Amino acid sequence: MKHLGLKHACLVTLGILTSLNAIADGQTKLDDPKKAAKDTFWDELYSKGGQSFFCNQPFEGKTRRIIAGHVYNTQHMIDHFNCGTKSRCRRSDTNYKYAASDLHNMYPVTPRVELNRRNSRYAELPKSKDQFPNLECSYKSNFQTVEPADEIKGNIARIIFYMHDSYNLPILDGVQMLMEWNEQDPVDDAERERNILVEKVQGNRNRFIDNPHAVKDIQMTVTK
């Protein structure tokens, strides 16, 4: 659901980074979000299959059972860039086109999970039960919020910091929580290998995978 209501931004000063630098640090090779999600994502990253991001479901090659899901939600990008609808943004807003096409922000997800988490924010939900126990999936959800499995919380934090750093997108989730996730779930070899692979395709790296401590050196714009 589209996030509505009064918004106000506050700056959490953890260093110095200008908005111009934030936009300039994003990828500029892919500018068609639809093609990136339906073709490039599969041809370049998951042609041989893999495992879904949230529920660790195995798959072999391109399949209707798995789609490319955006960790930083595209609707939140649309709200930030104020470019109207998804199709209008794809046609007219350069910043949206680059951000929504960014492979660092795309992971394989099951349609069922994607539908459940659409437009939600990330949070800690200690009192909630797993949403998909039949999938043996550590994934909790409540109204407009989701809590992923512990083993991918760091991945999510580093992606959100990257999207903020690269495209000046606001952080919609608790900054302190994300920083804790970044420390509690360290970078692993699979995340490093994927970072290298994405760089080969679109020409840039997620610097928070290379150096997780870099989150302390950026200026964060937080929307509440």
Protein backbone atom coordinates (compact mmCIF):
# COMPACT_ATOMS: atom_id res chain seq x y z
CA MET A 1 0.00 0.00 0.00
CA LYS A 2 1.30 3.44 -0.89
CA HIS A 3 2.67 5.26 2.14
CA LEU A 4 0.39 8.22 2.90
CA GLY A 5 0.20 10.88 5.54
CA LEU A 6 2.41 13.66 6.86
CA LYS A 7 6.10 13.06 6.33
CA HIS A 8 8.99 14.89 7.87
CA ALA A 9 12.64 14.37 7.33
CA CYS A 10 15.37 14.57 9.90
CA LEU A 11 19.08 14.30 9.37
CA VAL A 12 21.13 11.81 11.33
CA THR A 13 24.63 13.19 10.92
CA LEU A 14 27.18 10.42 10.71
CA GLY A 15 29.56 12.13 8.30
CA ILE A 16 29.37 14.28 5.20
CA LEU A 17 27.78 13.26 1.91
CA THR A 18 26.02 15.61 -0.50
CA SER A 19 22.92 14.76 -2.46
CA LEU A 20 24.76 15.25 -5.73
CA ASN A 21 27.36 12.69 -4.75
CA ALA A 22 24.63 10.28 -3.65
CA ILE A 23 22.96 10.36 -7.07
CA ALA A 24 26.30 10.19 -8.90
CA ASP A 25 27.36 7.04 -7.05
CA GLY A 26 24.52 4.94 -8.47
CA GLN A 27 24.77 2.74 -11.53
CA THR A 28 24.14 4.34 -14.94
CA LYS A 29 24.32 1.36 -17.32
CA LEU A 30 20.84 -0.07 -16.83
CA ASP A 31 17.89 2.29 -17.38
CA ASP A 32 14.97 -0.05 -18.13
CA PRO A 33 13.60 -1.47 -14.85
CA LYS A 34 11.27 -3.89 -16.61
CA LYS A 35 14.01 -5.34 -18.80
CA ALA A 36 16.46 -5.44 -15.88
CA ALA A 37 14.03 -7.49 -13.75
CA LYS A 38 12.78 -9.82 -16.48
CA ASP A 39 15.91 -10.35 -18.56
CA THR A 40 19.21 -9.02 -17.17
CA PHE A 41 18.50 -10.29 -13.66
CA TRP A 42 18.02 -13.82 -14.99
CA ASP A 43 20.56 -13.87 -17.81
CA GLU A 44 23.42 -12.39 -15.81
CA LEU A 45 22.79 -13.38 -12.18
CA TYR A 46 20.55 -16.43 -11.94
CA SER A 47 20.70 -18.29 -15.24
CA LYS A 48 21.72 -21.44 -13.37
CA GLY A 49 19.23 -20.99 -10.55
CA GLY A 50 19.81 -20.46 -6.87
CA GLN A 51 17.73 -19.98 -3.73
CA SER A 52 15.00 -17.46 -2.98
CA PHE A 53 16.07 -14.61 -0.73
CA PHE A 54 13.47 -14.62 2.04
CA CYS A 55 12.53 -18.30 2.25
CA ASN A 56 15.59 -20.05 0.87
CA GLN A 57 13.58 -22.04 -1.68
CA PRO A 58 15.78 -23.69 -4.35
CA PHE A 59 15.09 -23.11 -8.03
CA GLU A 60 16.77 -24.02 -11.30
CA GLY A 61 17.00 -21.29 -13.90
CA LYS A 62 14.26 -18.89 -14.91
CA THR A 63 10.88 -19.97 -13.59
CA ARG A 64 7.46 -18.51 -12.89
CA ARG A 65 7.80 -19.66 -9.29
CA ILE A 66 10.44 -16.99 -8.66
CA ILE A 67 10.50 -13.29 -9.56
CA ALA A 68 12.94 -10.42 -9.08
CA GLY A 69 12.00 -8.60 -5.89
CA HIS A 70 13.28 -5.15 -4.90
CA VAL A 71 14.61 -5.01 -1.35
CA TYR A 72 14.14 -1.22 -1.35
CA ASN A 73 10.59 -1.05 -2.65
CA THR A 74 9.92 0.62 -6.00
CA GLN A 75 6.75 2.28 -4.71
CA HIS A 76 8.84 4.04 -2.09
CA MET A 77 11.14 5.19 -4.92
CA ILE A 78 8.14 6.57 -6.80
CA ASP A 79 6.99 8.43 -3.70
CA HIS A 80 10.44 9.93 -3.23
CA PHE A 81 11.02 10.97 -6.84
CA ASN A 82 7.40 12.13 -7.11
CA CYS A 83 7.14 10.92 -10.69
CA GLY A 84 3.56 9.61 -10.65
CA THR A 85 2.90 6.00 -11.64
CA LYS A 86 5.40 3.20 -12.20
CA SER A 87 4.95 3.35 -15.98
CA ARG A 88 5.29 7.15 -16.02
CA CYS A 89 8.42 6.97 -13.89
CA ARG A 90 9.92 4.38 -16.25
CA ARG A 91 9.31 6.74 -19.17
CA SER A 92 10.33 10.08 -17.74
CA ASP A 93 12.41 10.02 -14.54
CA THR A 94 16.09 9.22 -15.03
CA ASN A 95 16.83 8.80 -11.34
CA TYR A 96 13.98 6.34 -10.94
CA LYS A 97 15.02 4.36 -14.01
CA TYR A 98 18.56 3.88 -12.73
CA ALA A 99 17.49 3.14 -9.13
CA ALA A 100 14.72 0.70 -10.10
CA SER A 101 17.06 -1.12 -12.53
CA ASP A 102 19.86 -1.52 -9.99
CA LEU A 103 20.72 -5.21 -9.61
CA HIS A 104 22.24 -4.69 -6.16
CA ASN A 105 18.67 -4.10 -5.00
CA MET A 106 17.14 -7.17 -6.71
CA TYR A 107 16.94 -10.67 -5.25
CA PRO A 108 14.93 -13.77 -6.22
CA VAL A 109 11.69 -14.06 -4.25
CA THR A 110 8.57 -16.20 -4.41
CA PRO A 111 5.45 -14.35 -5.67
CA ARG A 112 3.65 -15.31 -2.47
CA VAL A 113 6.22 -13.58 -0.30
CA GLU A 114 6.44 -10.60 -2.65
CA LEU A 115 2.68 -10.07 -2.47
CA ASN A 116 2.77 -10.25 1.32
CA ARG A 117 5.61 -7.78 1.76
CA ARG A 118 4.64 -5.32 -0.98
CA ASN A 119 5.15 -1.70 0.15
CA SER A 120 5.92 -2.84 3.70
CA ARG A 121 8.73 -1.59 5.91
CA TYR A 122 11.27 -3.67 7.83
CA ALA A 123 10.97 -4.02 11.59
CA GLU A 124 11.48 -6.30 14.57
CA LEU A 125 8.27 -8.25 15.26
CA PRO A 126 9.00 -10.45 18.30
CA LYS A 127 5.35 -11.30 19.00
CA SER A 128 4.45 -12.32 15.47
CA LYS A 129 4.37 -15.88 14.19
CA ASP A 130 6.12 -16.98 11.02
CA GLN A 131 3.96 -16.09 8.04
CA PHE A 132 4.83 -19.17 5.97
CA PRO A 133 5.51 -22.08 8.37
CA ASN A 134 4.71 -24.60 5.63
CA LEU A 135 7.72 -23.28 3.70
CA GLU A 136 9.90 -23.58 6.80
CA CYS A 137 10.52 -19.89 6.28
CA SER A 138 11.59 -17.58 9.11
CA TYR A 139 9.59 -14.62 7.89
CA LYS A 140 7.21 -12.59 10.05
CA SER A 141 4.73 -9.96 8.98
CA ASN A 142 2.29 -7.56 10.53
CA PHE A 143 0.37 -4.58 9.18
CA GLN A 144 2.71 -2.89 6.67
CA THR A 145 5.81 -4.34 8.35
CA VAL A 146 7.91 -7.47 7.87
CA GLU A 147 10.78 -9.09 9.74
CA PRO A 148 13.10 -11.28 7.64
CA ALA A 149 15.21 -14.20 8.83
CA ASP A 150 18.25 -13.32 10.95
CA GLU A 151 20.67 -14.63 8.32
CA ILE A 152 19.63 -12.00 5.73
CA LYS A 153 19.05 -8.99 7.97
CA GLY A 154 22.57 -7.72 7.33
CA ASN A 155 22.10 -8.13 3.57
CA ILE A 156 18.94 -6.02 3.75
CA ALA A 157 20.60 -3.32 5.84
CA ARG A 158 23.55 -3.03 3.46
CA ILE A 159 21.22 -2.82 0.45
CA ILE A 160 19.14 -0.06 2.04
CA PHE A 161 22.26 1.90 2.99
CA TYR A 162 23.53 1.43 -0.58
CA MET A 163 20.28 2.69 -2.13
CA HIS A 164 20.30 5.70 0.17
CA ASP A 165 23.96 6.40 -0.54
CA SER A 166 23.64 5.91 -4.30
CA TYR A 167 20.30 7.59 -5.10
CA ASN A 168 19.64 9.82 -2.09
CA LEU A 169 16.62 7.68 -1.21
CA PRO A 170 15.31 8.16 2.34
CA ILE A 171 15.68 5.41 4.91
CA LEU A 172 12.15 4.41 5.88
CA ASP A 173 13.13 1.92 8.57
CA GLY A 174 14.84 2.43 11.92
CA VAL A 175 18.44 3.46 11.31
CA GLN A 176 19.64 2.04 14.62
CA MET A 177 17.92 -1.26 13.87
CA LEU A 178 19.53 -1.46 10.43
CA MET A 179 22.95 -0.67 11.85
CA GLU A 180 22.48 -3.47 14.37
CA TRP A 181 21.41 -5.83 11.58
CA ASN A 182 24.53 -4.85 9.67
CA GLU A 183 26.71 -5.91 12.61
CA GLN A 184 24.73 -8.95 13.75
CA ASP A 185 24.67 -10.53 10.29
CA PRO A 186 28.17 -10.01 8.79
CA VAL A 187 28.99 -10.16 5.10
CA ASP A 188 29.49 -13.72 3.88
CA ASP A 189 31.19 -15.19 0.80
CA ALA A 190 27.95 -15.46 -1.18
CA GLU A 191 27.27 -11.75 -0.68
CA ARG A 192 30.82 -10.86 -1.74
CA GLU A 193 30.61 -13.03 -4.85
CA ARG A 194 27.30 -11.50 -5.84
CA ASN A 195 28.75 -8.01 -5.38
CA ILE A 196 31.52 -8.88 -7.84
CA LEU A 197 29.05 -10.34 -10.33
CA VAL A 198 26.76 -7.31 -10.23
CA GLU A 199 29.76 -5.03 -10.75
CA LYS A 200 30.61 -6.92 -13.93
CA VAL A 201 27.11 -6.26 -15.26
CA GLN A 202 26.42 -2.66 -14.22
CA GLY A 203 29.86 -1.31 -13.37
CA ASN A 204 29.61 -0.47 -9.66
CA ARG A 205 29.84 -2.19 -6.28
CA ASN A 206 27.92 -1.98 -3.05
CA ARG A 207 30.61 -0.39 -0.89
CA PHE A 208 28.88 -1.46 2.31
CA ILE A 209 29.60 -5.07 1.39
CA ASP A 210 33.26 -4.24 0.82
CA ASN A 211 33.38 -2.26 4.06
CA PRO A 212 30.38 -2.69 6.38
CA HIS A 213 31.82 -0.07 8.75
CA ALA A 214 31.30 2.57 6.05
CA VAL A 215 27.76 3.12 7.32
CA LYS A 216 29.30 5.26 10.05
CA ASP A 217 30.62 7.70 7.45
CA ILE A 218 27.44 8.66 5.61
CA GLN A 219 24.78 11.26 6.22
CA MET A 220 21.36 9.62 6.47
CA THR A 221 18.05 11.20 5.54
CA VAL A 222 15.36 9.47 7.53
CA THR A 223 11.64 9.70 6.78
CA LYS A 224 9.20 8.99 9.58
